[in-house]
Every structure is written in C-alpha cells, then in structure tokens.
Amino acid sequence: MSQLSERIEAALREALQPIEFMLQDDSHLHAGHAGAREGSHYTVRLVSERFAGLKRLARHRLVYDALREQMQSGIHALAIDARAPGED
C-alpha cells in the first residue's frame, strides 16, 4: 500500500468511522491518460452511520471534506460508493 493510500485510509477512518471500508488504487487502468500525470485514481467504498439520512451529494461532500489535503496533492480521480448501514 502506498503512502498516499495509507493517508487516504487514515483520513477517512478518522472522519467517518466506517464499519466497512475498501480502497482500491485504479491508477494502472489510466496509464497513458493525461490525468495520470496529475495524480492517482482511486475507488472507495464506505459504509458509515455518518451517511444515514443523507443524500448522495451530501455523502460525497463528507468524503471530499475528509480528503481535502489529499485531493490537492495526489488524487486525480475518486469514485465514491458511500452507504449507510443496511443499504445495498
């Protein structure tokens, strides 16, 4: 796991206390893409009580807020799957 991946995981675990967490580095899928030079590509799946009652946009904002520093220095793209417990 890269240092950036470790920082992403630590920030999300601290801010959102997920009961399920998956982080996948998809950067290899974007080799040669112009954005690949600007940073890494990730997919994150989180299940957290913090998302209960929130719409998708509000959930994504919580994730982006938690990753503010990483978004400015290392992440080019982030696919987010943010769910509350019990949601499929």
C-alpha atoms as a PDB file:
ATOM      1  CA  MET A   1       0.000   0.000   0.000  1.00  0.00           C
ATOM      2  CA  SER A   2       1.401   3.404  -0.960  1.00  0.00           C
ATOM      3  CA  GLN A   3       1.862   6.271   1.459  1.00  0.00           C
ATOM      4  CA  LEU A   4      -0.959   8.133  -0.285  1.00  0.00           C
ATOM      5  CA  SER A   5      -3.279   5.143   0.114  1.00  0.00           C
ATOM      6  CA  GLU A   6      -2.387   4.962   3.798  1.00  0.00           C
ATOM      7  CA  ARG A   7      -3.120   8.686   4.251  1.00  0.00           C
ATOM      8  CA  ILE A   8      -6.448   8.330   2.440  1.00  0.00           C
ATOM      9  CA  GLU A   9      -7.473   5.401   4.601  1.00  0.00           C
ATOM     10  CA  ALA A  10      -6.420   7.109   7.831  1.00  0.00           C
ATOM     11  CA  ALA A  11      -8.284  10.320   6.968  1.00  0.00           C
ATOM     12  CA  LEU A  12     -11.494   8.507   6.024  1.00  0.00           C
ATOM     13  CA  ARG A  13     -11.417   6.191   9.037  1.00  0.00           C
ATOM     14  CA  GLU A  14     -10.882   9.121  11.382  1.00  0.00           C
ATOM     15  CA  ALA A  15     -13.558  11.360   9.875  1.00  0.00           C
ATOM     16  CA  LEU A  16     -16.254   8.825   9.025  1.00  0.00           C
ATOM     17  CA  GLN A  17     -15.591   5.787  11.266  1.00  0.00           C
ATOM     18  CA  PRO A  18     -16.761   3.325   8.621  1.00  0.00           C
ATOM     19  CA  ILE A  19     -17.956  -0.118   9.584  1.00  0.00           C
ATOM     20  CA  GLU A  20     -16.963  -1.295   6.099  1.00  0.00           C
ATOM     21  CA  PHE A  21     -14.063   0.121   4.140  1.00  0.00           C
ATOM     22  CA  MET A  22     -12.452  -0.685   0.796  1.00  0.00           C
ATOM     23  CA  LEU A  23      -9.891   1.409  -1.051  1.00  0.00           C
ATOM     24  CA  GLN A  24      -8.685   0.408  -4.486  1.00  0.00           C
ATOM     25  CA  ASP A  25      -5.928   2.096  -6.477  1.00  0.00           C
ATOM     26  CA  ASP A  26      -7.121   2.194 -10.096  1.00  0.00           C
ATOM     27  CA  SER A  27      -4.174   4.204 -11.400  1.00  0.00           C
ATOM     28  CA  HIS A  28      -2.879   1.345 -13.557  1.00  0.00           C
ATOM     29  CA  LEU A  29      -6.141   1.450 -15.525  1.00  0.00           C
ATOM     30  CA  HIS A  30      -5.417   5.031 -16.562  1.00  0.00           C
ATOM     31  CA  ALA A  31      -1.812   4.697 -17.717  1.00  0.00           C
ATOM     32  CA  GLY A  32      -1.262   6.953 -20.702  1.00  0.00           C
ATOM     33  CA  HIS A  33      -4.294   9.087 -19.849  1.00  0.00           C
ATOM     34  CA  ALA A  34      -3.474  12.788 -19.467  1.00  0.00           C
ATOM     35  CA  GLY A  35      -4.846  12.818 -15.915  1.00  0.00           C
ATOM     36  CA  ALA A  36      -2.489  10.022 -14.876  1.00  0.00           C
ATOM     37  CA  ARG A  37       0.315  12.597 -14.717  1.00  0.00           C
ATOM     38  CA  GLU A  38      -1.750  14.754 -12.342  1.00  0.00           C
ATOM     39  CA  GLY A  39      -2.258  12.122  -9.662  1.00  0.00           C
ATOM     40  CA  SER A  40      -3.670   8.753  -8.755  1.00  0.00           C
ATOM     41  CA  HIS A  41      -7.111   7.286  -9.440  1.00  0.00           C
ATOM     42  CA  TYR A  42      -8.993   5.553  -6.617  1.00  0.00           C
ATOM     43  CA  THR A  43     -12.259   3.819  -5.860  1.00  0.00           C
ATOM     44  CA  VAL A  44     -13.509   3.916  -2.281  1.00  0.00           C
ATOM     45  CA  ARG A  45     -16.442   2.075  -0.740  1.00  0.00           C
ATOM     46  CA  LEU A  46     -17.588   3.117   2.712  1.00  0.00           C
ATOM     47  CA  VAL A  47     -20.453   2.086   4.945  1.00  0.00           C
ATOM     48  CA  SER A  48     -20.863   4.541   7.802  1.00  0.00           C
ATOM     49  CA  GLU A  49     -23.524   5.678  10.242  1.00  0.00           C
ATOM     50  CA  ARG A  50     -22.500   9.219   9.259  1.00  0.00           C
ATOM     51  CA  PHE A  51     -24.279   8.706   5.910  1.00  0.00           C
ATOM     52  CA  ALA A  52     -27.650   7.774   7.427  1.00  0.00           C
ATOM     53  CA  GLY A  53     -30.380  10.118   6.222  1.00  0.00           C
ATOM     54  CA  LEU A  54     -28.072  11.928   3.787  1.00  0.00           C
ATOM     55  CA  LYS A  55     -28.483  12.141   0.043  1.00  0.00           C
ATOM     56  CA  ARG A  56     -25.681  11.089  -2.293  1.00  0.00           C
ATOM     57  CA  LEU A  57     -24.281  14.599  -2.770  1.00  0.00           C
ATOM     58  CA  ALA A  58     -24.043  15.226   0.987  1.00  0.00           C
ATOM     59  CA  ARG A  59     -22.292  11.891   1.460  1.00  0.00           C
ATOM     60  CA  HIS A  60     -19.766  12.716  -1.240  1.00  0.00           C
ATOM     61  CA  ARG A  61     -19.138  16.103   0.339  1.00  0.00           C
ATOM     62  CA  LEU A  62     -18.264  14.408   3.633  1.00  0.00           C
ATOM     63  CA  VAL A  63     -15.753  12.189   1.821  1.00  0.00           C
ATOM     64  CA  TYR A  64     -14.212  15.102  -0.077  1.00  0.00           C
ATOM     65  CA  ASP A  65     -14.028  17.175   3.113  1.00  0.00           C
ATOM     66  CA  ALA A  66     -12.154  14.356   4.839  1.00  0.00           C
ATOM     67  CA  LEU A  67      -9.738  14.134   1.899  1.00  0.00           C
ATOM     68  CA  ARG A  68      -9.246  17.847   1.281  1.00  0.00           C
ATOM     69  CA  GLU A  69      -5.451  17.664   1.667  1.00  0.00           C
ATOM     70  CA  GLN A  70      -5.060  14.530  -0.458  1.00  0.00           C
ATOM     71  CA  MET A  71      -7.300  15.909  -3.210  1.00  0.00           C
ATOM     72  CA  GLN A  72      -4.902  18.824  -3.618  1.00  0.00           C
ATOM     73  CA  SER A  73      -1.773  16.710  -3.684  1.00  0.00           C
ATOM     74  CA  GLY A  74      -2.017  13.243  -5.103  1.00  0.00           C
ATOM     75  CA  ILE A  75      -5.571  12.259  -6.044  1.00  0.00           C
ATOM     76  CA  HIS A  76      -6.654  12.997  -9.595  1.00  0.00           C
ATOM     77  CA  ALA A  77      -9.900  10.996  -9.585  1.00  0.00           C
ATOM     78  CA  LEU A  78     -12.030   9.390  -6.890  1.00  0.00           C
ATOM     79  CA  ALA A  79     -15.004   7.074  -7.433  1.00  0.00           C
ATOM     80  CA  ILE A  80     -17.139   7.002  -4.283  1.00  0.00           C
ATOM     81  CA  ASP A  81     -19.635   4.406  -3.095  1.00  0.00           C
ATOM     82  CA  ALA A  82     -20.927   5.797   0.214  1.00  0.00           C
ATOM     83  CA  ARG A  83     -23.708   3.930   2.011  1.00  0.00           C
ATOM     84  CA  ALA A  84     -25.416   3.869   5.375  1.00  0.00           C
ATOM     85  CA  PRO A  85     -25.650   0.543   7.222  1.00  0.00           C
ATOM     86  CA  GLY A  86     -28.342  -1.701   5.771  1.00  0.00           C
ATOM     87  CA  GLU A  87     -28.277  -0.137   2.308  1.00  0.00           C
ATOM     88  CA  ASP A  88     -27.496  -2.394  -0.635  1.00  0.00           C
END
